Amino acid sequence: MEISEDKFLSDLGIRIRQLREQREFSQQDLADYCEIPKIQIQRIELAKINTTIKTLVKIANALGVHPRDLFSI
């Protein structure tokens, strides 16, 4: 199965936003926990940037999920 890079990044951003909202975290809360700028969280959720694995691990840890859970919608 093939997926475009844009679709993958969009799905990733949607999933991160869903998990963040389920935990009632603001973008600022998540950014603070991950020690990254809020604008970076915004850009990830909007599929505006291709972030690092290291940042995704930080986000998964902050959300209390395994990193693979960021990739399933």
C-alpha atoms as a PDB file:
ATOM      1  CA  MET A   1       0.000   0.000   0.000  1.00  0.00           C
ATOM      2  CA  GLU A   2       1.337   3.387  -0.973  1.00  0.00           C
ATOM      3  CA  ILE A   3       0.633   6.676   0.795  1.00  0.00           C
ATOM      4  CA  SER A   4       1.778  10.140  -0.150  1.00  0.00           C
ATOM      5  CA  GLU A   5       4.086  12.033   2.178  1.00  0.00           C
ATOM      6  CA  ASP A   6       1.534  14.836   2.481  1.00  0.00           C
ATOM      7  CA  LYS A   7      -1.224  12.404   3.486  1.00  0.00           C
ATOM      8  CA  PHE A   8       1.065  10.753   6.024  1.00  0.00           C
ATOM      9  CA  LEU A   9       1.991  14.090   7.621  1.00  0.00           C
ATOM     10  CA  SER A  10      -1.638  15.199   7.625  1.00  0.00           C
ATOM     11  CA  ASP A  11      -2.784  11.974   9.311  1.00  0.00           C
ATOM     12  CA  LEU A  12       0.024  12.281  11.859  1.00  0.00           C
ATOM     13  CA  GLY A  13      -0.995  15.839  12.729  1.00  0.00           C
ATOM     14  CA  ILE A  14      -4.636  14.866  13.062  1.00  0.00           C
ATOM     15  CA  ARG A  15      -3.761  11.965  15.362  1.00  0.00           C
ATOM     16  CA  ILE A  16      -1.533  14.113  17.580  1.00  0.00           C
ATOM     17  CA  ARG A  17      -4.279  16.738  17.869  1.00  0.00           C
ATOM     18  CA  GLN A  18      -6.864  14.037  18.729  1.00  0.00           C
ATOM     19  CA  LEU A  19      -4.680  12.570  21.476  1.00  0.00           C
ATOM     20  CA  ARG A  20      -3.794  16.011  22.814  1.00  0.00           C
ATOM     21  CA  GLU A  21      -7.443  17.057  22.989  1.00  0.00           C
ATOM     22  CA  GLN A  22      -8.474  13.742  24.612  1.00  0.00           C
ATOM     23  CA  ARG A  23      -6.038  14.535  27.409  1.00  0.00           C
ATOM     24  CA  GLU A  24      -7.318  18.114  27.562  1.00  0.00           C
ATOM     25  CA  PHE A  25      -3.860  19.516  26.800  1.00  0.00           C
ATOM     26  CA  SER A  26      -3.505  22.838  25.061  1.00  0.00           C
ATOM     27  CA  GLN A  27      -0.846  23.159  22.399  1.00  0.00           C
ATOM     28  CA  GLN A  28       1.128  25.186  24.945  1.00  0.00           C
ATOM     29  CA  ASP A  29       0.822  22.409  27.561  1.00  0.00           C
ATOM     30  CA  LEU A  30       2.182  19.866  25.100  1.00  0.00           C
ATOM     31  CA  ALA A  31       4.945  22.187  23.943  1.00  0.00           C
ATOM     32  CA  ASP A  32       6.004  22.897  27.521  1.00  0.00           C
ATOM     33  CA  TYR A  33       6.109  19.206  28.403  1.00  0.00           C
ATOM     34  CA  CYS A  34       8.162  18.440  25.291  1.00  0.00           C
ATOM     35  CA  GLU A  35      10.375  21.496  25.763  1.00  0.00           C
ATOM     36  CA  ILE A  36       9.747  22.694  22.228  1.00  0.00           C
ATOM     37  CA  PRO A  37       8.124  25.892  20.924  1.00  0.00           C
ATOM     38  CA  LYS A  38       4.330  25.987  20.670  1.00  0.00           C
ATOM     39  CA  ILE A  39       4.640  26.993  17.013  1.00  0.00           C
ATOM     40  CA  GLN A  40       6.316  23.642  16.367  1.00  0.00           C
ATOM     41  CA  ILE A  41       3.309  21.787  17.788  1.00  0.00           C
ATOM     42  CA  GLN A  42       1.032  23.932  15.625  1.00  0.00           C
ATOM     43  CA  ARG A  43       3.059  23.198  12.508  1.00  0.00           C
ATOM     44  CA  ILE A  44       3.157  19.454  13.220  1.00  0.00           C
ATOM     45  CA  GLU A  45      -0.613  19.328  13.733  1.00  0.00           C
ATOM     46  CA  LEU A  46      -1.165  21.280  10.503  1.00  0.00           C
ATOM     47  CA  ALA A  47       1.308  19.119   8.538  1.00  0.00           C
ATOM     48  CA  LYS A  48       3.440  22.174   7.782  1.00  0.00           C
ATOM     49  CA  ILE A  49       6.720  20.566   8.865  1.00  0.00           C
ATOM     50  CA  ASN A  50       8.335  17.165   8.753  1.00  0.00           C
ATOM     51  CA  THR A  51       9.467  16.715  12.340  1.00  0.00           C
ATOM     52  CA  THR A  52      12.131  14.443  13.776  1.00  0.00           C
ATOM     53  CA  ILE A  53      11.661  11.031  15.334  1.00  0.00           C
ATOM     54  CA  LYS A  54      13.159  12.472  18.502  1.00  0.00           C
ATOM     55  CA  THR A  55      10.379  15.058  18.707  1.00  0.00           C
ATOM     56  CA  LEU A  56       7.730  12.424  18.007  1.00  0.00           C
ATOM     57  CA  VAL A  57       9.051  10.336  20.892  1.00  0.00           C
ATOM     58  CA  LYS A  58       8.811  13.381  23.174  1.00  0.00           C
ATOM     59  CA  ILE A  59       5.236  13.992  22.026  1.00  0.00           C
ATOM     60  CA  ALA A  60       4.269  10.337  22.531  1.00  0.00           C
ATOM     61  CA  ASN A  61       5.761  10.363  26.022  1.00  0.00           C
ATOM     62  CA  ALA A  62       3.909  13.572  26.884  1.00  0.00           C
ATOM     63  CA  LEU A  63       0.647  12.056  25.660  1.00  0.00           C
ATOM     64  CA  GLY A  64       1.258   8.765  27.481  1.00  0.00           C
ATOM     65  CA  VAL A  65       1.241   6.596  24.362  1.00  0.00           C
ATOM     66  CA  HIS A  66       3.713   4.437  22.478  1.00  0.00           C
ATOM     67  CA  PRO A  67       5.199   6.287  19.486  1.00  0.00           C
ATOM     68  CA  ARG A  68       3.532   3.818  17.082  1.00  0.00           C
ATOM     69  CA  ASP A  69       0.146   5.034  18.382  1.00  0.00           C
ATOM     70  CA  LEU A  70       0.821   8.399  16.743  1.00  0.00           C
ATOM     71  CA  PHE A  71       0.569   6.726  13.354  1.00  0.00           C
ATOM     72  CA  SER A  72      -2.863   5.121  13.650  1.00  0.00           C
ATOM     73  CA  ILE A  73      -6.092   7.000  13.118  1.00  0.00           C
END
